[in-house]
Amino acid sequence: MKKIIIFTALLVCVNLFGQQNSYKEAFVPDISVNKTLFLFNRESIIKSIGDQSGKIIRDENPSRVQLKNKDSSQYLIMYQCNGSSSNSFNEFEIGYLYLNKKSFNATKFECFFSHDKIRLGIERKTLIEIKGPGYKEKYENGYDVIEYNIEGNNSFLQYYNMPIYLSDYYFKKGKLVKFRFGFPNW
């Protein structure tokens, strides 16, 4: 009887202290903003914010549409691959809009967030809890950056017929100030 109690106590301790942490096991890529604007899904764009045909900026940078939230405190840039239809976007960038720039079109959105509810202002620890441990770190232009990527023979990439998926999260003083995710133009 004593052996059974000791064995049971050991099992309880192993279960309590041997559990894995609350982090996700594998990185799950974000594919939308506000659960309404989806990568490479022109119908979701038209339904949520209207036809973007005449709003695409074409200059020395990648083609894009620049949007801002209701109070002009945040921006969303939707990047487009060369040759894509006018309402199909391969990459999204969200950040704080420090100046009310006229090149950013107003939207009805209060704020911008990713499919996994990544929002500006969250802490580094929170991002890692949501996205998982498989990231790289770098320092870039005054920002601490956490990068996740998917490349190689992968069903997610095959579905989108793309070679790589990247997401970069930029932190200042431990808070998320900008992030970008999708299929890069390079």
N, C-alpha and C. Protein backbone atom coordinates (compact mmCIF):
# COMPACT_ATOMS: atom_id res chain seq x y z
N MET A 1 0.82 -1.19 0.00
CA MET A 1 0.00 0.00 0.00
C MET A 1 0.87 1.25 0.00
N LYS A 2 1.96 1.24 0.79
CA LYS A 2 2.87 2.37 0.87
C LYS A 2 3.51 2.63 -0.48
N LYS A 3 3.84 1.55 -1.22
CA LYS A 3 4.46 1.69 -2.54
C LYS A 3 3.50 2.34 -3.53
N ILE A 4 2.21 1.99 -3.45
CA ILE A 4 1.20 2.57 -4.35
C ILE A 4 1.05 4.06 -4.09
N ILE A 5 1.04 4.46 -2.82
CA ILE A 5 0.91 5.88 -2.47
C ILE A 5 2.12 6.66 -2.96
N ILE A 6 3.32 6.12 -2.76
CA ILE A 6 4.54 6.79 -3.23
C ILE A 6 4.54 6.88 -4.75
N PHE A 7 4.15 5.79 -5.43
CA PHE A 7 4.10 5.78 -6.89
C PHE A 7 3.09 6.81 -7.39
N THR A 8 1.92 6.89 -6.78
CA THR A 8 0.88 7.86 -7.15
C THR A 8 1.39 9.28 -6.93
N ALA A 9 2.06 9.52 -5.83
CA ALA A 9 2.62 10.85 -5.53
C ALA A 9 3.65 11.23 -6.59
N LEU A 10 4.48 10.27 -7.01
CA LEU A 10 5.47 10.54 -8.06
C LEU A 10 4.79 10.88 -9.38
N LEU A 11 3.74 10.16 -9.72
CA LEU A 11 3.01 10.45 -10.96
C LEU A 11 2.40 11.85 -10.93
N VAL A 12 1.83 12.23 -9.80
CA VAL A 12 1.25 13.56 -9.67
C VAL A 12 2.32 14.63 -9.84
N CYS A 13 3.49 14.44 -9.21
CA CYS A 13 4.59 15.41 -9.32
C CYS A 13 5.08 15.50 -10.76
N VAL A 14 5.23 14.37 -11.43
CA VAL A 14 5.68 14.38 -12.81
C VAL A 14 4.66 15.12 -13.68
N ASN A 15 3.38 14.87 -13.45
CA ASN A 15 2.34 15.56 -14.23
C ASN A 15 2.30 17.05 -13.94
N LEU A 16 2.48 17.44 -12.69
CA LEU A 16 2.44 18.86 -12.35
C LEU A 16 3.66 19.61 -12.84
N PHE A 17 4.83 19.06 -12.60
CA PHE A 17 6.07 19.79 -12.89
C PHE A 17 6.71 19.39 -14.22
N GLY A 18 6.28 18.30 -14.78
CA GLY A 18 6.86 17.84 -16.03
C GLY A 18 6.08 18.29 -17.25
N GLN A 19 5.00 19.07 -17.04
CA GLN A 19 4.22 19.52 -18.18
C GLN A 19 5.01 20.53 -18.99
N GLN A 20 4.72 20.54 -20.26
CA GLN A 20 5.39 21.50 -21.12
C GLN A 20 4.82 22.88 -20.84
N ASN A 21 5.59 23.90 -21.19
CA ASN A 21 5.13 25.26 -20.95
C ASN A 21 3.92 25.59 -21.82
N SER A 22 3.38 26.78 -21.65
CA SER A 22 2.15 27.16 -22.36
C SER A 22 2.41 27.61 -23.79
N TYR A 23 3.66 27.60 -24.26
CA TYR A 23 3.96 28.02 -25.61
C TYR A 23 3.41 27.03 -26.63
N LYS A 24 3.10 27.52 -27.80
CA LYS A 24 2.70 26.65 -28.90
C LYS A 24 3.88 25.79 -29.30
N GLU A 25 3.59 24.61 -29.75
CA GLU A 25 4.65 23.69 -30.18
C GLU A 25 5.23 24.11 -31.53
N ALA A 26 4.39 24.57 -32.45
CA ALA A 26 4.86 24.93 -33.77
C ALA A 26 4.27 26.28 -34.16
N PHE A 27 5.04 27.03 -34.90
CA PHE A 27 4.60 28.34 -35.38
C PHE A 27 3.42 28.18 -36.34
N VAL A 28 2.37 28.95 -36.11
CA VAL A 28 1.22 28.98 -37.01
C VAL A 28 1.20 30.36 -37.66
N PRO A 29 1.32 30.43 -38.98
CA PRO A 29 1.39 31.73 -39.64
C PRO A 29 0.07 32.47 -39.62
N ASP A 30 0.18 33.80 -39.52
CA ASP A 30 -1.00 34.65 -39.65
C ASP A 30 -1.32 34.81 -41.13
N ILE A 31 -2.60 34.88 -41.46
CA ILE A 31 -3.00 35.03 -42.85
C ILE A 31 -4.01 36.17 -43.04
N SER A 32 -4.37 36.86 -41.94
CA SER A 32 -5.39 37.91 -42.09
C SER A 32 -5.16 39.06 -41.12
N VAL A 33 -5.81 40.17 -41.45
CA VAL A 33 -5.88 41.33 -40.57
C VAL A 33 -7.35 41.51 -40.20
N ASN A 34 -7.60 41.65 -38.91
CA ASN A 34 -8.94 41.85 -38.37
C ASN A 34 -9.92 40.76 -38.80
N LYS A 35 -9.39 39.61 -39.13
CA LYS A 35 -10.18 38.44 -39.56
C LYS A 35 -11.11 38.75 -40.73
N THR A 36 -10.78 39.80 -41.48
CA THR A 36 -11.59 40.16 -42.65
C THR A 36 -10.77 40.37 -43.91
N LEU A 37 -9.52 40.77 -43.77
CA LEU A 37 -8.62 41.00 -44.91
C LEU A 37 -7.63 39.84 -44.95
N PHE A 38 -7.69 39.03 -46.01
CA PHE A 38 -6.87 37.83 -46.10
C PHE A 38 -5.83 37.94 -47.20
N LEU A 39 -4.64 37.37 -46.94
CA LEU A 39 -3.59 37.31 -47.95
C LEU A 39 -4.11 36.62 -49.21
N PHE A 40 -3.78 37.18 -50.36
CA PHE A 40 -4.14 36.63 -51.67
C PHE A 40 -5.64 36.33 -51.83
N ASN A 41 -6.49 37.08 -51.16
CA ASN A 41 -7.93 36.84 -51.26
C ASN A 41 -8.62 38.15 -51.63
N ARG A 42 -8.75 38.36 -52.92
CA ARG A 42 -9.29 39.63 -53.42
C ARG A 42 -10.73 39.87 -52.98
N GLU A 43 -11.53 38.80 -52.84
CA GLU A 43 -12.92 38.95 -52.41
C GLU A 43 -13.00 39.53 -51.00
N SER A 44 -12.09 39.08 -50.10
CA SER A 44 -12.12 39.59 -48.73
C SER A 44 -11.76 41.08 -48.69
N ILE A 45 -10.88 41.50 -49.57
CA ILE A 45 -10.48 42.91 -49.64
C ILE A 45 -11.65 43.75 -50.12
N ILE A 46 -12.25 43.35 -51.22
CA ILE A 46 -13.36 44.12 -51.80
C ILE A 46 -14.53 44.18 -50.82
N LYS A 47 -14.85 43.07 -50.19
CA LYS A 47 -15.98 43.03 -49.25
C LYS A 47 -15.73 43.92 -48.03
N SER A 48 -14.49 43.96 -47.53
CA SER A 48 -14.18 44.69 -46.30
C SER A 48 -13.89 46.17 -46.50
N ILE A 49 -13.15 46.51 -47.55
CA ILE A 49 -12.73 47.91 -47.72
C ILE A 49 -12.99 48.46 -49.12
N GLY A 50 -13.62 47.67 -49.96
CA GLY A 50 -13.93 48.14 -51.31
C GLY A 50 -12.81 47.88 -52.30
N ASP A 51 -13.10 48.17 -53.54
CA ASP A 51 -12.14 47.97 -54.63
C ASP A 51 -10.95 48.91 -54.44
N GLN A 52 -9.75 48.36 -54.47
CA GLN A 52 -8.53 49.15 -54.25
C GLN A 52 -7.80 49.49 -55.55
N SER A 53 -8.42 49.21 -56.69
CA SER A 53 -7.76 49.39 -58.00
C SER A 53 -7.10 50.76 -58.17
N GLY A 54 -7.80 51.82 -57.88
CA GLY A 54 -7.27 53.17 -58.09
C GLY A 54 -6.44 53.70 -56.93
N LYS A 55 -6.25 52.91 -55.90
CA LYS A 55 -5.55 53.39 -54.70
C LYS A 55 -4.15 52.81 -54.54
N ILE A 56 -3.72 52.01 -55.50
CA ILE A 56 -2.42 51.36 -55.39
C ILE A 56 -1.30 52.37 -55.69
N ILE A 57 -0.33 52.43 -54.80
CA ILE A 57 0.82 53.32 -54.96
C ILE A 57 1.91 52.54 -55.68
N ARG A 58 2.36 53.09 -56.79
CA ARG A 58 3.42 52.46 -57.57
C ARG A 58 4.57 53.47 -57.69
N ASP A 59 5.66 53.16 -57.01
CA ASP A 59 6.85 54.00 -57.07
C ASP A 59 8.07 53.08 -56.96
N GLU A 60 9.20 53.58 -56.46
CA GLU A 60 10.41 52.76 -56.36
C GLU A 60 10.29 51.65 -55.31
N ASN A 61 9.32 51.75 -54.42
CA ASN A 61 9.05 50.72 -53.42
C ASN A 61 8.06 49.70 -53.98
N PRO A 62 7.87 48.58 -53.28
CA PRO A 62 6.86 47.63 -53.76
C PRO A 62 5.47 48.28 -53.86
N SER A 63 4.69 47.85 -54.83
CA SER A 63 3.32 48.36 -54.98
C SER A 63 2.54 48.07 -53.71
N ARG A 64 1.68 49.03 -53.32
CA ARG A 64 1.01 48.89 -52.03
C ARG A 64 -0.21 49.79 -51.93
N VAL A 65 -1.04 49.47 -50.94
CA VAL A 65 -2.15 50.32 -50.53
C VAL A 65 -1.90 50.66 -49.07
N GLN A 66 -2.04 51.94 -48.71
CA GLN A 66 -1.76 52.41 -47.35
C GLN A 66 -3.07 52.86 -46.70
N LEU A 67 -3.37 52.25 -45.55
CA LEU A 67 -4.61 52.52 -44.83
C LEU A 67 -4.31 52.99 -43.42
N LYS A 68 -5.28 53.64 -42.79
CA LYS A 68 -5.15 54.02 -41.39
C LYS A 68 -6.45 53.69 -40.67
N ASN A 69 -6.36 53.53 -39.35
CA ASN A 69 -7.55 53.24 -38.56
C ASN A 69 -8.37 54.51 -38.35
N LYS A 70 -9.49 54.36 -37.64
CA LYS A 70 -10.43 55.48 -37.44
C LYS A 70 -9.79 56.73 -36.86
N ASP A 71 -8.96 56.56 -35.82
CA ASP A 71 -8.38 57.75 -35.18
C ASP A 71 -6.98 58.10 -35.69
N SER A 72 -6.58 57.50 -36.78
CA SER A 72 -5.29 57.79 -37.44
C SER A 72 -4.08 57.50 -36.55
N SER A 73 -4.20 56.57 -35.61
CA SER A 73 -3.06 56.24 -34.74
C SER A 73 -2.30 55.01 -35.23
N GLN A 74 -2.90 54.23 -36.13
CA GLN A 74 -2.26 53.02 -36.64
C GLN A 74 -2.38 52.98 -38.16
N TYR A 75 -1.44 52.27 -38.77
CA TYR A 75 -1.50 52.08 -40.22
C TYR A 75 -1.49 50.61 -40.57
N LEU A 76 -2.00 50.33 -41.75
CA LEU A 76 -1.92 49.02 -42.37
C LEU A 76 -1.45 49.25 -43.79
N ILE A 77 -0.33 48.62 -44.15
CA ILE A 77 0.13 48.67 -45.53
C ILE A 77 -0.05 47.27 -46.10
N MET A 78 -0.71 47.19 -47.24
CA MET A 78 -0.92 45.92 -47.93
C MET A 78 -0.04 45.93 -49.18
N TYR A 79 0.93 45.02 -49.23
CA TYR A 79 1.88 44.96 -50.33
C TYR A 79 1.38 43.99 -51.40
N GLN A 80 1.80 44.27 -52.62
CA GLN A 80 1.32 43.49 -53.76
C GLN A 80 2.50 42.98 -54.59
N CYS A 81 2.42 41.72 -54.98
CA CYS A 81 3.41 41.13 -55.90
C CYS A 81 3.20 41.72 -57.29
N ASN A 82 4.29 41.88 -58.03
CA ASN A 82 4.16 42.33 -59.42
C ASN A 82 3.32 41.32 -60.19
N GLY A 83 2.39 41.81 -60.97
CA GLY A 83 1.55 40.95 -61.78
C GLY A 83 0.30 40.45 -61.09
N SER A 84 0.13 40.76 -59.80
CA SER A 84 -1.08 40.34 -59.08
C SER A 84 -2.27 41.20 -59.49
N SER A 85 -3.47 40.66 -59.28
CA SER A 85 -4.66 41.47 -59.56
C SER A 85 -4.72 42.60 -58.54
N SER A 86 -5.47 43.65 -58.85
CA SER A 86 -5.44 44.88 -58.06
C SER A 86 -5.93 44.72 -56.62
N ASN A 87 -6.65 43.69 -56.30
CA ASN A 87 -7.15 43.51 -54.93
C ASN A 87 -6.56 42.28 -54.24
N SER A 88 -5.43 41.82 -54.72
CA SER A 88 -4.76 40.66 -54.14
C SER A 88 -3.43 41.11 -53.54
N PHE A 89 -3.23 40.83 -52.25
CA PHE A 89 -2.05 41.31 -51.55
C PHE A 89 -1.32 40.14 -50.89
N ASN A 90 0.01 40.19 -50.94
CA ASN A 90 0.83 39.09 -50.46
C ASN A 90 1.45 39.33 -49.07
N GLU A 91 1.40 40.55 -48.60
CA GLU A 91 2.05 40.86 -47.33
C GLU A 91 1.34 42.04 -46.66
N PHE A 92 1.21 41.97 -45.33
CA PHE A 92 0.60 43.03 -44.55
C PHE A 92 1.60 43.57 -43.54
N GLU A 93 1.58 44.89 -43.33
CA GLU A 93 2.40 45.54 -42.32
C GLU A 93 1.50 46.43 -41.47
N ILE A 94 1.66 46.32 -40.15
CA ILE A 94 0.88 47.11 -39.20
C ILE A 94 1.84 47.86 -38.29
N GLY A 95 1.57 49.14 -38.05
CA GLY A 95 2.42 49.92 -37.16
C GLY A 95 1.70 51.15 -36.65
N TYR A 96 2.40 51.90 -35.80
CA TYR A 96 1.85 53.16 -35.31
C TYR A 96 2.04 54.23 -36.36
N LEU A 97 1.04 55.06 -36.55
CA LEU A 97 1.09 56.16 -37.50
C LEU A 97 1.34 57.43 -36.69
N TYR A 98 2.56 57.93 -36.74
CA TYR A 98 2.94 59.05 -35.89
C TYR A 98 2.51 60.39 -36.46
N LEU A 99 2.37 60.46 -37.75
CA LEU A 99 1.89 61.69 -38.38
C LEU A 99 0.68 61.33 -39.23
N ASN A 100 -0.30 62.19 -39.28
CA ASN A 100 -1.50 61.93 -40.08
C ASN A 100 -1.17 62.19 -41.55
N LYS A 101 -0.62 61.20 -42.19
CA LYS A 101 -0.18 61.34 -43.57
C LYS A 101 -1.36 61.21 -44.52
N LYS A 102 -1.39 62.06 -45.52
CA LYS A 102 -2.48 62.07 -46.49
C LYS A 102 -2.47 60.85 -47.40
N SER A 103 -1.32 60.19 -47.54
CA SER A 103 -1.24 59.03 -48.43
C SER A 103 -1.86 57.77 -47.81
N PHE A 104 -2.37 57.88 -46.59
CA PHE A 104 -3.03 56.76 -45.91
C PHE A 104 -4.54 56.98 -45.96
N ASN A 105 -5.26 56.04 -46.54
CA ASN A 105 -6.71 56.14 -46.67
C ASN A 105 -7.39 55.69 -45.39
N ALA A 106 -8.44 56.39 -45.00
CA ALA A 106 -9.17 56.08 -43.77
C ALA A 106 -9.99 54.79 -43.93
N THR A 107 -10.14 54.06 -42.81
CA THR A 107 -10.97 52.86 -42.77
C THR A 107 -11.92 52.96 -41.58
N LYS A 108 -12.81 52.00 -41.47
CA LYS A 108 -13.77 51.94 -40.36
C LYS A 108 -13.19 51.20 -39.15
N PHE A 109 -12.00 50.64 -39.28
CA PHE A 109 -11.42 49.82 -38.21
C PHE A 109 -10.93 50.66 -37.04
N GLU A 110 -11.24 50.22 -35.82
CA GLU A 110 -10.76 50.87 -34.60
C GLU A 110 -9.26 50.67 -34.43
N CYS A 111 -8.79 49.46 -34.75
CA CYS A 111 -7.37 49.12 -34.67
C CYS A 111 -7.13 47.98 -35.65
N PHE A 112 -5.87 47.60 -35.78
CA PHE A 112 -5.51 46.49 -36.67
C PHE A 112 -4.88 45.38 -35.83
N PHE A 113 -5.24 44.14 -36.12
CA PHE A 113 -4.65 42.99 -35.42
C PHE A 113 -4.60 41.81 -36.37
N SER A 114 -3.72 40.87 -36.07
CA SER A 114 -3.55 39.71 -36.92
C SER A 114 -4.54 38.61 -36.57
N HIS A 115 -4.54 37.57 -37.37
CA HIS A 115 -5.42 36.41 -37.17
C HIS A 115 -5.26 35.83 -35.76
N ASP A 116 -4.02 35.81 -35.27
CA ASP A 116 -3.72 35.30 -33.92
C ASP A 116 -3.86 36.37 -32.84
N LYS A 117 -4.49 37.49 -33.19
CA LYS A 117 -4.74 38.60 -32.26
C LYS A 117 -3.46 39.31 -31.80
N ILE A 118 -2.46 39.31 -32.64
CA ILE A 118 -1.26 40.10 -32.37
C ILE A 118 -1.63 41.56 -32.60
N ARG A 119 -1.38 42.40 -31.59
CA ARG A 119 -1.72 43.83 -31.63
C ARG A 119 -0.51 44.67 -31.28
N LEU A 120 -0.52 45.88 -31.72
CA LEU A 120 0.52 46.82 -31.31
C LEU A 120 0.46 47.00 -29.80
N GLY A 121 1.62 47.16 -29.18
CA GLY A 121 1.69 47.42 -27.75
C GLY A 121 1.86 46.18 -26.88
N ILE A 122 1.72 44.99 -27.46
CA ILE A 122 1.90 43.80 -26.62
C ILE A 122 3.38 43.63 -26.27
N GLU A 123 3.64 42.89 -25.21
CA GLU A 123 5.01 42.65 -24.78
C GLU A 123 5.61 41.47 -25.55
N ARG A 124 6.91 41.45 -25.58
CA ARG A 124 7.68 40.40 -26.25
C ARG A 124 7.27 39.02 -25.75
N LYS A 125 7.16 38.88 -24.44
CA LYS A 125 6.80 37.61 -23.82
C LYS A 125 5.44 37.13 -24.33
N THR A 126 4.49 38.03 -24.46
CA THR A 126 3.15 37.70 -24.94
C THR A 126 3.21 37.20 -26.38
N LEU A 127 4.00 37.87 -27.22
CA LEU A 127 4.14 37.43 -28.60
C LEU A 127 4.66 36.00 -28.65
N ILE A 128 5.69 35.70 -27.89
CA ILE A 128 6.29 34.37 -27.90
C ILE A 128 5.31 33.33 -27.36
N GLU A 129 4.50 33.69 -26.37
CA GLU A 129 3.48 32.77 -25.88
C GLU A 129 2.46 32.44 -26.97
N ILE A 130 2.13 33.43 -27.78
CA ILE A 130 1.15 33.24 -28.84
C ILE A 130 1.75 32.50 -30.03
N LYS A 131 2.94 32.92 -30.48
CA LYS A 131 3.50 32.40 -31.72
C LYS A 131 4.42 31.20 -31.54
N GLY A 132 4.96 30.99 -30.35
CA GLY A 132 5.79 29.82 -30.13
C GLY A 132 7.27 30.14 -30.05
N PRO A 133 8.08 29.11 -29.74
CA PRO A 133 9.50 29.33 -29.47
C PRO A 133 10.42 29.30 -30.70
N GLY A 134 9.97 28.94 -31.86
CA GLY A 134 10.86 28.76 -33.01
C GLY A 134 11.17 30.03 -33.76
N TYR A 135 11.80 30.99 -33.13
CA TYR A 135 12.07 32.28 -33.76
C TYR A 135 13.57 32.59 -33.77
N LYS A 136 13.92 33.61 -34.56
CA LYS A 136 15.27 34.16 -34.59
C LYS A 136 15.18 35.58 -34.07
N GLU A 137 16.26 36.05 -33.48
CA GLU A 137 16.31 37.43 -32.99
C GLU A 137 17.38 38.21 -33.73
N LYS A 138 17.12 39.49 -33.94
CA LYS A 138 18.10 40.37 -34.55
C LYS A 138 17.86 41.79 -34.06
N TYR A 139 18.80 42.65 -34.30
CA TYR A 139 18.69 44.06 -33.96
C TYR A 139 18.77 44.82 -35.27
N GLU A 140 17.77 45.67 -35.55
CA GLU A 140 17.71 46.33 -36.84
C GLU A 140 17.20 47.76 -36.69
N ASN A 141 18.02 48.72 -37.06
CA ASN A 141 17.64 50.14 -37.05
C ASN A 141 17.01 50.60 -35.74
N GLY A 142 17.57 50.17 -34.62
CA GLY A 142 17.08 50.60 -33.32
C GLY A 142 15.95 49.75 -32.75
N TYR A 143 15.58 48.70 -33.44
CA TYR A 143 14.50 47.82 -32.99
C TYR A 143 15.06 46.44 -32.62
N ASP A 144 14.49 45.84 -31.60
CA ASP A 144 14.70 44.42 -31.34
C ASP A 144 13.66 43.70 -32.18
N VAL A 145 14.11 42.77 -33.02
CA VAL A 145 13.21 42.12 -33.96
C VAL A 145 13.16 40.62 -33.70
N ILE A 146 11.96 40.09 -33.66
CA ILE A 146 11.74 38.65 -33.59
C ILE A 146 11.21 38.23 -34.95
N GLU A 147 11.83 37.20 -35.53
CA GLU A 147 11.45 36.75 -36.86
C GLU A 147 11.07 35.27 -36.84
N TYR A 148 9.95 34.98 -37.47
CA TYR A 148 9.52 33.61 -37.71
C TYR A 148 9.48 33.43 -39.22
N ASN A 149 9.81 32.24 -39.70
CA ASN A 149 9.67 31.99 -41.12
C ASN A 149 9.33 30.53 -41.39
N ILE A 150 8.80 30.32 -42.57
CA ILE A 150 8.51 28.98 -43.07
C ILE A 150 9.11 28.92 -44.46
N GLU A 151 9.91 27.90 -44.71
CA GLU A 151 10.46 27.71 -46.05
C GLU A 151 10.67 26.23 -46.30
N GLY A 152 10.93 25.89 -47.55
CA GLY A 152 11.16 24.49 -47.88
C GLY A 152 9.88 23.81 -48.32
N ASN A 153 9.92 22.48 -48.28
CA ASN A 153 8.78 21.68 -48.71
C ASN A 153 7.74 21.65 -47.59
N ASN A 154 6.70 22.46 -47.75
CA ASN A 154 5.73 22.65 -46.69
C ASN A 154 4.34 22.78 -47.32
N SER A 155 3.34 22.13 -46.75
CA SER A 155 1.99 22.16 -47.32
C SER A 155 1.40 23.57 -47.33
N PHE A 156 1.72 24.37 -46.31
CA PHE A 156 1.23 25.75 -46.26
C PHE A 156 1.76 26.53 -47.46
N LEU A 157 3.06 26.44 -47.71
CA LEU A 157 3.66 27.15 -48.85
C LEU A 157 3.15 26.59 -50.17
N GLN A 158 2.96 25.29 -50.25
CA GLN A 158 2.44 24.68 -51.47
C GLN A 158 1.04 25.18 -51.77
N TYR A 159 0.22 25.33 -50.74
CA TYR A 159 -1.15 25.82 -50.92
C TYR A 159 -1.13 27.20 -51.59
N TYR A 160 -0.23 28.07 -51.13
CA TYR A 160 -0.14 29.43 -51.67
C TYR A 160 0.81 29.52 -52.88
N ASN A 161 1.48 28.42 -53.21
CA ASN A 161 2.44 28.38 -54.31
C ASN A 161 3.52 29.46 -54.14
N MET A 162 4.06 29.53 -52.92
CA MET A 162 5.07 30.53 -52.60
C MET A 162 6.28 29.84 -51.98
N PRO A 163 7.49 30.41 -52.14
CA PRO A 163 8.70 29.76 -51.63
C PRO A 163 8.99 30.01 -50.15
N ILE A 164 8.46 31.12 -49.59
CA ILE A 164 8.79 31.46 -48.21
C ILE A 164 7.67 32.32 -47.60
N TYR A 165 7.49 32.17 -46.31
CA TYR A 165 6.59 33.00 -45.52
C TYR A 165 7.44 33.61 -44.40
N LEU A 166 7.33 34.91 -44.21
CA LEU A 166 8.08 35.60 -43.15
C LEU A 166 7.14 36.42 -42.29
N SER A 167 7.49 36.52 -41.01
CA SER A 167 6.83 37.48 -40.14
C SER A 167 7.89 38.08 -39.23
N ASP A 168 7.92 39.40 -39.18
CA ASP A 168 8.87 40.16 -38.36
C ASP A 168 8.10 41.03 -37.39
N TYR A 169 8.55 41.02 -36.13
CA TYR A 169 7.90 41.77 -35.06
C TYR A 169 8.93 42.71 -34.45
N TYR A 170 8.67 44.02 -34.52
CA TYR A 170 9.61 45.06 -34.11
C TYR A 170 9.22 45.60 -32.74
N PHE A 171 10.19 45.56 -31.82
CA PHE A 171 9.95 46.00 -30.44
C PHE A 171 10.83 47.19 -30.08
N LYS A 172 10.25 48.14 -29.36
CA LYS A 172 10.97 49.27 -28.75
C LYS A 172 10.59 49.26 -27.28
N LYS A 173 11.60 49.24 -26.43
CA LYS A 173 11.39 49.23 -24.97
C LYS A 173 10.44 48.10 -24.56
N GLY A 174 10.57 46.95 -25.22
CA GLY A 174 9.80 45.77 -24.85
C GLY A 174 8.37 45.73 -25.37
N LYS A 175 7.95 46.73 -26.13
CA LYS A 175 6.57 46.79 -26.66
C LYS A 175 6.58 46.68 -28.18
N LEU A 176 5.61 45.96 -28.72
CA LEU A 176 5.49 45.80 -30.17
C LEU A 176 5.04 47.11 -30.80
N VAL A 177 5.84 47.63 -31.75
CA VAL A 177 5.51 48.91 -32.39
C VAL A 177 5.23 48.75 -33.88
N LYS A 178 5.60 47.58 -34.43
CA LYS A 178 5.37 47.35 -35.86
C LYS A 178 5.51 45.86 -36.11
N PHE A 179 4.73 45.33 -37.05
CA PHE A 179 4.95 43.95 -37.48
C PHE A 179 4.50 43.77 -38.92
N ARG A 180 5.11 42.77 -39.54
CA ARG A 180 4.89 42.52 -40.96
C ARG A 180 4.82 41.01 -41.16
N PHE A 181 3.86 40.54 -41.95
CA PHE A 181 3.77 39.11 -42.20
C PHE A 181 3.21 38.83 -43.58
N GLY A 182 3.62 37.69 -44.12
CA GLY A 182 3.13 37.28 -45.43
C GLY A 182 4.26 36.73 -46.27
N PHE A 183 4.09 36.89 -47.57
CA PHE A 183 5.02 36.36 -48.56
C PHE A 183 5.79 37.53 -49.17
N PRO A 184 7.07 37.68 -48.83
CA PRO A 184 7.83 38.87 -49.26
C PRO A 184 7.99 38.97 -50.76
N ASN A 185 8.19 40.21 -51.23
CA ASN A 185 8.32 40.49 -52.66
C ASN A 185 9.70 40.20 -53.24
N TRP A 186 10.67 39.91 -52.43
CA TRP A 186 12.02 39.71 -52.97
C TRP A 186 12.20 38.33 -53.36
